[in-house]
Amino acid sequence: MKPEELGNEALLQEAKKSKTTRVYDAAIFGFLIGVAVYSTVRNGFGLLTFLPVIYIPVAAKNKAKYAELERLLKERNLK
């Protein structure tokens, strides 16, 4: 269901879930950066060095969804 189709309560709940997702994205990305740095220092450049690059599209999609939710919240004066 698209965010524009949600009612006010459902939109607020979705925004709350999205905030949690942003925290998870940051934690996962930080962990992947750590793995990449450790792998590079330990073994030189390899597959794990570029592991964080694989997660960037997922995080970007989540960020765009969060921005859309925030825009709708402001538009409906819910924030």
PDB file of N, CA and C in Angstrom:
ATOM      1  N   MET A   1       0.847  -1.172   0.000  1.00  0.00           N
ATOM      2  CA  MET A   1       0.000   0.000   0.000  1.00  0.00           C
ATOM      3  C   MET A   1       0.896   1.239   0.000  1.00  0.00           C
ATOM      4  N   LYS A   2       0.547   2.186  -0.818  1.00  0.00           N
ATOM      5  CA  LYS A   2       1.330   3.409  -0.927  1.00  0.00           C
ATOM      6  C   LYS A   2       1.068   4.311   0.276  1.00  0.00           C
ATOM      7  N   PRO A   3       2.059   5.084   0.692  1.00  0.00           N
ATOM      8  CA  PRO A   3       1.873   5.973   1.848  1.00  0.00           C
ATOM      9  C   PRO A   3       0.740   6.985   1.655  1.00  0.00           C
ATOM     10  N   GLU A   4       0.493   7.417   0.410  1.00  0.00           N
ATOM     11  CA  GLU A   4      -0.566   8.397   0.162  1.00  0.00           C
ATOM     12  C   GLU A   4      -1.944   7.825   0.468  1.00  0.00           C
ATOM     13  N   GLU A   5      -2.086   6.499   0.402  1.00  0.00           N
ATOM     14  CA  GLU A   5      -3.366   5.842   0.612  1.00  0.00           C
ATOM     15  C   GLU A   5      -3.646   5.548   2.078  1.00  0.00           C
ATOM     16  N   LEU A   6      -2.677   5.737   2.946  1.00  0.00           N
ATOM     17  CA  LEU A   6      -2.838   5.431   4.359  1.00  0.00           C
ATOM     18  C   LEU A   6      -3.627   6.514   5.075  1.00  0.00           C
ATOM     19  N   GLY A   7      -4.363   6.096   6.089  1.00  0.00           N
ATOM     20  CA  GLY A   7      -5.046   7.052   6.947  1.00  0.00           C
ATOM     21  C   GLY A   7      -4.043   7.688   7.900  1.00  0.00           C
ATOM     22  N   ASN A   8      -4.501   8.635   8.685  1.00  0.00           N
ATOM     23  CA  ASN A   8      -3.602   9.362   9.583  1.00  0.00           C
ATOM     24  C   ASN A   8      -2.938   8.449  10.613  1.00  0.00           C
ATOM     25  N   GLU A   9      -3.718   7.579  11.261  1.00  0.00           N
ATOM     26  CA  GLU A   9      -3.149   6.683  12.274  1.00  0.00           C
ATOM     27  C   GLU A   9      -2.165   5.701  11.651  1.00  0.00           C
ATOM     28  N   ALA A  10      -2.529   5.133  10.520  1.00  0.00           N
ATOM     29  CA  ALA A  10      -1.641   4.189   9.842  1.00  0.00           C
ATOM     30  C   ALA A  10      -0.367   4.888   9.377  1.00  0.00           C
ATOM     31  N   LEU A  11      -0.485   6.130   8.950  1.00  0.00           N
ATOM     32  CA  LEU A  11       0.688   6.890   8.517  1.00  0.00           C
ATOM     33  C   LEU A  11       1.626   7.159   9.693  1.00  0.00           C
ATOM     34  N   LEU A  12       1.069   7.486  10.840  1.00  0.00           N
ATOM     35  CA  LEU A  12       1.892   7.700  12.041  1.00  0.00           C
ATOM     36  C   LEU A  12       2.598   6.413  12.460  1.00  0.00           C
ATOM     37  N   GLN A  13       1.898   5.287  12.387  1.00  0.00           N
ATOM     38  CA  GLN A  13       2.518   4.002  12.738  1.00  0.00           C
ATOM     39  C   GLN A  13       3.629   3.651  11.755  1.00  0.00           C
ATOM     40  N   GLU A  14       3.379   3.901  10.490  1.00  0.00           N
ATOM     41  CA  GLU A  14       4.387   3.617   9.465  1.00  0.00           C
ATOM     42  C   GLU A  14       5.627   4.488   9.661  1.00  0.00           C
ATOM     43  N   ALA A  15       5.436   5.744  10.040  1.00  0.00           N
ATOM     44  CA  ALA A  15       6.562   6.644  10.296  1.00  0.00           C
ATOM     45  C   ALA A  15       7.374   6.164  11.499  1.00  0.00           C
ATOM     46  N   LYS A  16       6.681   5.658  12.510  1.00  0.00           N
ATOM     47  CA  LYS A  16       7.372   5.140  13.696  1.00  0.00           C
ATOM     48  C   LYS A  16       8.224   3.916  13.323  1.00  0.00           C
ATOM     49  N   LYS A  17       7.676   3.028  12.499  1.00  0.00           N
ATOM     50  CA  LYS A  17       8.429   1.855  12.041  1.00  0.00           C
ATOM     51  C   LYS A  17       9.627   2.289  11.203  1.00  0.00           C
ATOM     52  N   SER A  18       9.425   3.319  10.413  1.00  0.00           N
ATOM     53  CA  SER A  18      10.483   3.794   9.527  1.00  0.00           C
ATOM     54  C   SER A  18      11.656   4.369  10.315  1.00  0.00           C
ATOM     55  N   LYS A  19      11.368   5.007  11.449  1.00  0.00           N
ATOM     56  CA  LYS A  19      12.450   5.523  12.291  1.00  0.00           C
ATOM     57  C   LYS A  19      13.305   4.373  12.814  1.00  0.00           C
ATOM     58  N   THR A  20      12.659   3.286  13.216  1.00  0.00           N
ATOM     59  CA  THR A  20      13.385   2.107  13.691  1.00  0.00           C
ATOM     60  C   THR A  20      14.230   1.520  12.564  1.00  0.00           C
ATOM     61  N   THR A  21      13.679   1.510  11.365  1.00  0.00           N
ATOM     62  CA  THR A  21      14.405   0.988  10.214  1.00  0.00           C
ATOM     63  C   THR A  21      15.660   1.805   9.944  1.00  0.00           C
ATOM     64  N   ARG A  22      15.575   3.115  10.129  1.00  0.00           N
ATOM     65  CA  ARG A  22      16.753   3.964   9.923  1.00  0.00           C
ATOM     66  C   ARG A  22      17.876   3.599  10.905  1.00  0.00           C
ATOM     67  N   VAL A  23      17.510   3.297  12.144  1.00  0.00           N
ATOM     68  CA  VAL A  23      18.505   2.899  13.141  1.00  0.00           C
ATOM     69  C   VAL A  23      19.143   1.573  12.731  1.00  0.00           C
ATOM     70  N   TYR A  24      18.320   0.625  12.293  1.00  0.00           N
ATOM     71  CA  TYR A  24      18.849  -0.666  11.841  1.00  0.00           C
ATOM     72  C   TYR A  24      19.760  -0.495  10.625  1.00  0.00           C
ATOM     73  N   ASP A  25      19.347   0.356   9.696  1.00  0.00           N
ATOM     74  CA  ASP A  25      20.185   0.607   8.512  1.00  0.00           C
ATOM     75  C   ASP A  25      21.550   1.139   8.922  1.00  0.00           C
ATOM     76  N   ALA A  26      21.556   2.080   9.853  1.00  0.00           N
ATOM     77  CA  ALA A  26      22.825   2.662  10.302  1.00  0.00           C
ATOM     78  C   ALA A  26      23.690   1.607  10.993  1.00  0.00           C
ATOM     79  N   ALA A  27      23.068   0.771  11.812  1.00  0.00           N
ATOM     80  CA  ALA A  27      23.821  -0.270  12.516  1.00  0.00           C
ATOM     81  C   ALA A  27      24.390  -1.299  11.541  1.00  0.00           C
ATOM     82  N   ILE A  28      23.579  -1.732  10.608  1.00  0.00           N
ATOM     83  CA  ILE A  28      24.030  -2.718   9.623  1.00  0.00           C
ATOM     84  C   ILE A  28      25.149  -2.138   8.772  1.00  0.00           C
ATOM     85  N   PHE A  29      24.966  -0.902   8.320  1.00  0.00           N
ATOM     86  CA  PHE A  29      25.991  -0.278   7.484  1.00  0.00           C
ATOM     87  C   PHE A  29      27.295  -0.102   8.267  1.00  0.00           C
ATOM     88  N   GLY A  30      27.200   0.304   9.520  1.00  0.00           N
ATOM     89  CA  GLY A  30      28.388   0.432  10.363  1.00  0.00           C
ATOM     90  C   GLY A  30      29.097  -0.899  10.543  1.00  0.00           C
ATOM     91  N   PHE A  31      28.315  -1.943  10.771  1.00  0.00           N
ATOM     92  CA  PHE A  31      28.890  -3.284  10.914  1.00  0.00           C
ATOM     93  C   PHE A  31      29.598  -3.711   9.631  1.00  0.00           C
ATOM     94  N   LEU A  32      28.955  -3.464   8.489  1.00  0.00           N
ATOM     95  CA  LEU A  32      29.557  -3.839   7.207  1.00  0.00           C
ATOM     96  C   LEU A  32      30.833  -3.048   6.930  1.00  0.00           C
ATOM     97  N   ILE A  33      30.855  -1.788   7.313  1.00  0.00           N
ATOM     98  CA  ILE A  33      32.077  -0.988   7.174  1.00  0.00           C
ATOM     99  C   ILE A  33      33.184  -1.590   8.036  1.00  0.00           C
ATOM    100  N   GLY A  34      32.829  -1.966   9.255  1.00  0.00           N
ATOM    101  CA  GLY A  34      33.808  -2.589  10.148  1.00  0.00           C
ATOM    102  C   GLY A  34      34.365  -3.880   9.569  1.00  0.00           C
ATOM    103  N   VAL A  35      33.493  -4.718   9.025  1.00  0.00           N
ATOM    104  CA  VAL A  35      33.925  -5.970   8.407  1.00  0.00           C
ATOM    105  C   VAL A  35      34.840  -5.681   7.219  1.00  0.00           C
ATOM    106  N   ALA A  36      34.465  -4.684   6.421  1.00  0.00           N
ATOM    107  CA  ALA A  36      35.271  -4.342   5.243  1.00  0.00           C
ATOM    108  C   ALA A  36      36.649  -3.840   5.645  1.00  0.00           C
ATOM    109  N   VAL A  37      36.714  -2.985   6.650  1.00  0.00           N
ATOM    110  CA  VAL A  37      38.006  -2.462   7.102  1.00  0.00           C
ATOM    111  C   VAL A  37      38.865  -3.587   7.673  1.00  0.00           C
ATOM    112  N   TYR A  38      38.251  -4.421   8.521  1.00  0.00           N
ATOM    113  CA  TYR A  38      38.994  -5.533   9.111  1.00  0.00           C
ATOM    114  C   TYR A  38      39.516  -6.473   8.018  1.00  0.00           C
ATOM    115  N   SER A  39      38.645  -6.802   7.061  1.00  0.00           N
ATOM    116  CA  SER A  39      39.037  -7.702   5.982  1.00  0.00           C
ATOM    117  C   SER A  39      40.159  -7.106   5.142  1.00  0.00           C
ATOM    118  N   THR A  40      40.066  -5.805   4.880  1.00  0.00           N
ATOM    119  CA  THR A  40      41.100  -5.157   4.067  1.00  0.00           C
ATOM    120  C   THR A  40      42.434  -5.130   4.797  1.00  0.00           C
ATOM    121  N   VAL A  41      42.409  -4.818   6.082  1.00  0.00           N
ATOM    122  CA  VAL A  41      43.651  -4.771   6.863  1.00  0.00           C
ATOM    123  C   VAL A  41      44.241  -6.167   6.997  1.00  0.00           C
ATOM    124  N   ARG A  42      43.394  -7.137   7.225  1.00  0.00           N
ATOM    125  CA  ARG A  42      43.848  -8.502   7.474  1.00  0.00           C
ATOM    126  C   ARG A  42      44.301  -9.221   6.198  1.00  0.00           C
ATOM    127  N   ASN A  43      43.510  -9.102   5.130  1.00  0.00           N
ATOM    128  CA  ASN A  43      43.758  -9.909   3.930  1.00  0.00           C
ATOM    129  C   ASN A  43      44.002  -9.086   2.669  1.00  0.00           C
ATOM    130  N   GLY A  44      43.991  -7.792   2.754  1.00  0.00           N
ATOM    131  CA  GLY A  44      44.095  -6.975   1.545  1.00  0.00           C
ATOM    132  C   GLY A  44      42.734  -6.860   0.873  1.00  0.00           C
ATOM    133  N   PHE A  45      42.724  -6.246  -0.285  1.00  0.00           N
ATOM    134  CA  PHE A  45      41.458  -6.059  -0.991  1.00  0.00           C
ATOM    135  C   PHE A  45      40.887  -7.398  -1.428  1.00  0.00           C
ATOM    136  N   GLY A  46      39.588  -7.543  -1.227  1.00  0.00           N
ATOM    137  CA  GLY A  46      38.902  -8.764  -1.617  1.00  0.00           C
ATOM    138  C   GLY A  46      37.416  -8.516  -1.688  1.00  0.00           C
ATOM    139  N   LEU A  47      36.644  -9.557  -1.721  1.00  0.00           N
ATOM    140  CA  LEU A  47      35.192  -9.467  -1.834  1.00  0.00           C
ATOM    141  C   LEU A  47      34.570  -8.724  -0.650  1.00  0.00           C
ATOM    142  N   LEU A  48      35.037  -9.012   0.547  1.00  0.00           N
ATOM    143  CA  LEU A  48      34.457  -8.374   1.735  1.00  0.00           C
ATOM    144  C   LEU A  48      34.761  -6.882   1.815  1.00  0.00           C
ATOM    145  N   THR A  49      35.755  -6.438   1.108  1.00  0.00           N
ATOM    146  CA  THR A  49      36.088  -5.013   1.103  1.00  0.00           C
ATOM    147  C   THR A  49      34.948  -4.195   0.510  1.00  0.00           C
ATOM    148  N   PHE A  50      34.258  -4.745  -0.453  1.00  0.00           N
ATOM    149  CA  PHE A  50      33.197  -4.023  -1.150  1.00  0.00           C
ATOM    150  C   PHE A  50      31.799  -4.413  -0.674  1.00  0.00           C
ATOM    151  N   LEU A  51      31.710  -5.124   0.423  1.00  0.00           N
ATOM    152  CA  LEU A  51      30.440  -5.559   0.975  1.00  0.00           C
ATOM    153  C   LEU A  51      29.492  -4.400   1.301  1.00  0.00           C
ATOM    154  N   PRO A  52      29.949  -3.296   1.883  1.00  0.00           N
ATOM    155  CA  PRO A  52      29.020  -2.196   2.172  1.00  0.00           C
ATOM    156  C   PRO A  52      28.371  -1.602   0.924  1.00  0.00           C
ATOM    157  N   VAL A  53      29.046  -1.679  -0.205  1.00  0.00           N
ATOM    158  CA  VAL A  53      28.495  -1.124  -1.447  1.00  0.00           C
ATOM    159  C   VAL A  53      27.211  -1.865  -1.843  1.00  0.00           C
ATOM    160  N   ILE A  54      27.135  -3.136  -1.499  1.00  0.00           N
ATOM    161  CA  ILE A  54      25.955  -3.943  -1.827  1.00  0.00           C
ATOM    162  C   ILE A  54      24.734  -3.462  -1.037  1.00  0.00           C
ATOM    163  N   TYR A  55      24.945  -2.958   0.163  1.00  0.00           N
ATOM    164  CA  TYR A  55      23.824  -2.541   1.024  1.00  0.00           C
ATOM    165  C   TYR A  55      23.345  -1.122   0.735  1.00  0.00           C
ATOM    166  N   ILE A  56      24.099  -0.336   0.019  1.00  0.00           N
ATOM    167  CA  ILE A  56      23.736   1.063  -0.249  1.00  0.00           C
ATOM    168  C   ILE A  56      22.368   1.194  -0.923  1.00  0.00           C
ATOM    169  N   PRO A  57      22.021   0.401  -1.949  1.00  0.00           N
ATOM    170  CA  PRO A  57      20.694   0.563  -2.563  1.00  0.00           C
ATOM    171  C   PRO A  57      19.540   0.296  -1.595  1.00  0.00           C
ATOM    172  N   VAL A  58      19.709  -0.657  -0.704  1.00  0.00           N
ATOM    173  CA  VAL A  58      18.667  -0.961   0.281  1.00  0.00           C
ATOM    174  C   VAL A  58      18.479   0.232   1.222  1.00  0.00           C
ATOM    175  N   ALA A  59      19.573   0.767   1.712  1.00  0.00           N
ATOM    176  CA  ALA A  59      19.503   1.916   2.611  1.00  0.00           C
ATOM    177  C   ALA A  59      18.937   3.141   1.899  1.00  0.00           C
ATOM    178  N   ALA A  60      19.286   3.324   0.638  1.00  0.00           N
ATOM    179  CA  ALA A  60      18.765   4.470  -0.129  1.00  0.00           C
ATOM    180  C   ALA A  60      17.261   4.354  -0.328  1.00  0.00           C
ATOM    181  N   LYS A  61      16.784   3.153  -0.589  1.00  0.00           N
ATOM    182  CA  LYS A  61      15.342   2.933  -0.748  1.00  0.00           C
ATOM    183  C   LYS A  61      14.608   3.240   0.555  1.00  0.00           C
ATOM    184  N   ASN A  62      15.151   2.785   1.666  1.00  0.00           N
ATOM    185  CA  ASN A  62      14.541   3.052   2.966  1.00  0.00           C
ATOM    186  C   ASN A  62      14.557   4.542   3.284  1.00  0.00           C
ATOM    187  N   LYS A  63      15.625   5.224   2.921  1.00  0.00           N
ATOM    188  CA  LYS A  63      15.723   6.665   3.166  1.00  0.00           C
ATOM    189  C   LYS A  63      14.689   7.427   2.343  1.00  0.00           C
ATOM    190  N   ALA A  64      14.485   7.024   1.104  1.00  0.00           N
ATOM    191  CA  ALA A  64      13.487   7.678   0.241  1.00  0.00           C
ATOM    192  C   ALA A  64      12.081   7.458   0.790  1.00  0.00           C
ATOM    193  N   LYS A  65      11.818   6.266   1.282  1.00  0.00           N
ATOM    194  CA  LYS A  65      10.507   5.978   1.870  1.00  0.00           C
ATOM    195  C   LYS A  65      10.282   6.838   3.113  1.00  0.00           C
ATOM    196  N   TYR A  66      11.323   6.984   3.934  1.00  0.00           N
ATOM    197  CA  TYR A  66      11.214   7.804   5.135  1.00  0.00           C
ATOM    198  C   TYR A  66      10.964   9.270   4.774  1.00  0.00           C
ATOM    199  N   ALA A  67      11.651   9.756   3.764  1.00  0.00           N
ATOM    200  CA  ALA A  67      11.460  11.144   3.333  1.00  0.00           C
ATOM    201  C   ALA A  67      10.035  11.366   2.842  1.00  0.00           C
ATOM    202  N   GLU A  68       9.488  10.409   2.121  1.00  0.00           N
ATOM    203  CA  GLU A  68       8.103  10.503   1.643  1.00  0.00           C
ATOM    204  C   GLU A  68       7.123  10.525   2.814  1.00  0.00           C
ATOM    205  N   LEU A  69       7.361   9.678   3.803  1.00  0.00           N
ATOM    206  CA  LEU A  69       6.497   9.666   4.982  1.00  0.00           C
ATOM    207  C   LEU A  69       6.562  10.996   5.728  1.00  0.00           C
ATOM    208  N   GLU A  70       7.760  11.523   5.873  1.00  0.00           N
ATOM    209  CA  GLU A  70       7.915  12.811   6.548  1.00  0.00           C
ATOM    210  C   GLU A  70       7.193  13.929   5.792  1.00  0.00           C
ATOM    211  N   ARG A  71       7.275  13.895   4.465  1.00  0.00           N
ATOM    212  CA  ARG A  71       6.593  14.894   3.649  1.00  0.00           C
ATOM    213  C   ARG A  71       5.083  14.808   3.852  1.00  0.00           C
ATOM    214  N   LEU A  72       4.557  13.581   3.872  1.00  0.00           N
ATOM    215  CA  LEU A  72       3.118  13.409   4.075  1.00  0.00           C
ATOM    216  C   LEU A  72       2.686  13.838   5.470  1.00  0.00           C
ATOM    217  N   LEU A  73       3.521  13.556   6.455  1.00  0.00           N
ATOM    218  CA  LEU A  73       3.195  13.979   7.823  1.00  0.00           C
ATOM    219  C   LEU A  73       3.110  15.497   7.918  1.00  0.00           C
ATOM    220  N   LYS A  74       4.048  16.181   7.314  1.00  0.00           N
ATOM    221  CA  LYS A  74       4.027  17.643   7.323  1.00  0.00           C
ATOM    222  C   LYS A  74       2.839  18.177   6.532  1.00  0.00           C
ATOM    223  N   GLU A  75       2.555  17.540   5.410  1.00  0.00           N
ATOM    224  CA  GLU A  75       1.442  17.959   4.556  1.00  0.00           C
ATOM    225  C   GLU A  75       0.102  17.831   5.288  1.00  0.00           C
ATOM    226  N   ARG A  76      -0.030  16.800   6.104  1.00  0.00           N
ATOM    227  CA  ARG A  76      -1.267  16.574   6.849  1.00  0.00           C
ATOM    228  C   ARG A  76      -1.239  17.205   8.235  1.00  0.00           C
ATOM    229  N   ASN A  77      -0.189  17.941   8.548  1.00  0.00           N
ATOM    230  CA  ASN A  77      -0.023  18.604   9.852  1.00  0.00           C
ATOM    231  C   ASN A  77      -0.091  17.608  11.019  1.00  0.00           C
ATOM    232  N   LEU A  78       0.547  16.476  10.842  1.00  0.00           N
ATOM    233  CA  LEU A  78       0.599  15.457  11.886  1.00  0.00           C
ATOM    234  C   LEU A  78       1.917  15.478  12.645  1.00  0.00           C
ATOM    235  N   LYS A  79       2.819  16.295  12.194  1.00  0.00           N
ATOM    236  CA  LYS A  79       4.138  16.359  12.841  1.00  0.00           C
ATOM    237  C   LYS A  79       4.404  17.727  13.383  1.00  0.00           C
TER     238      LYS A  79
END
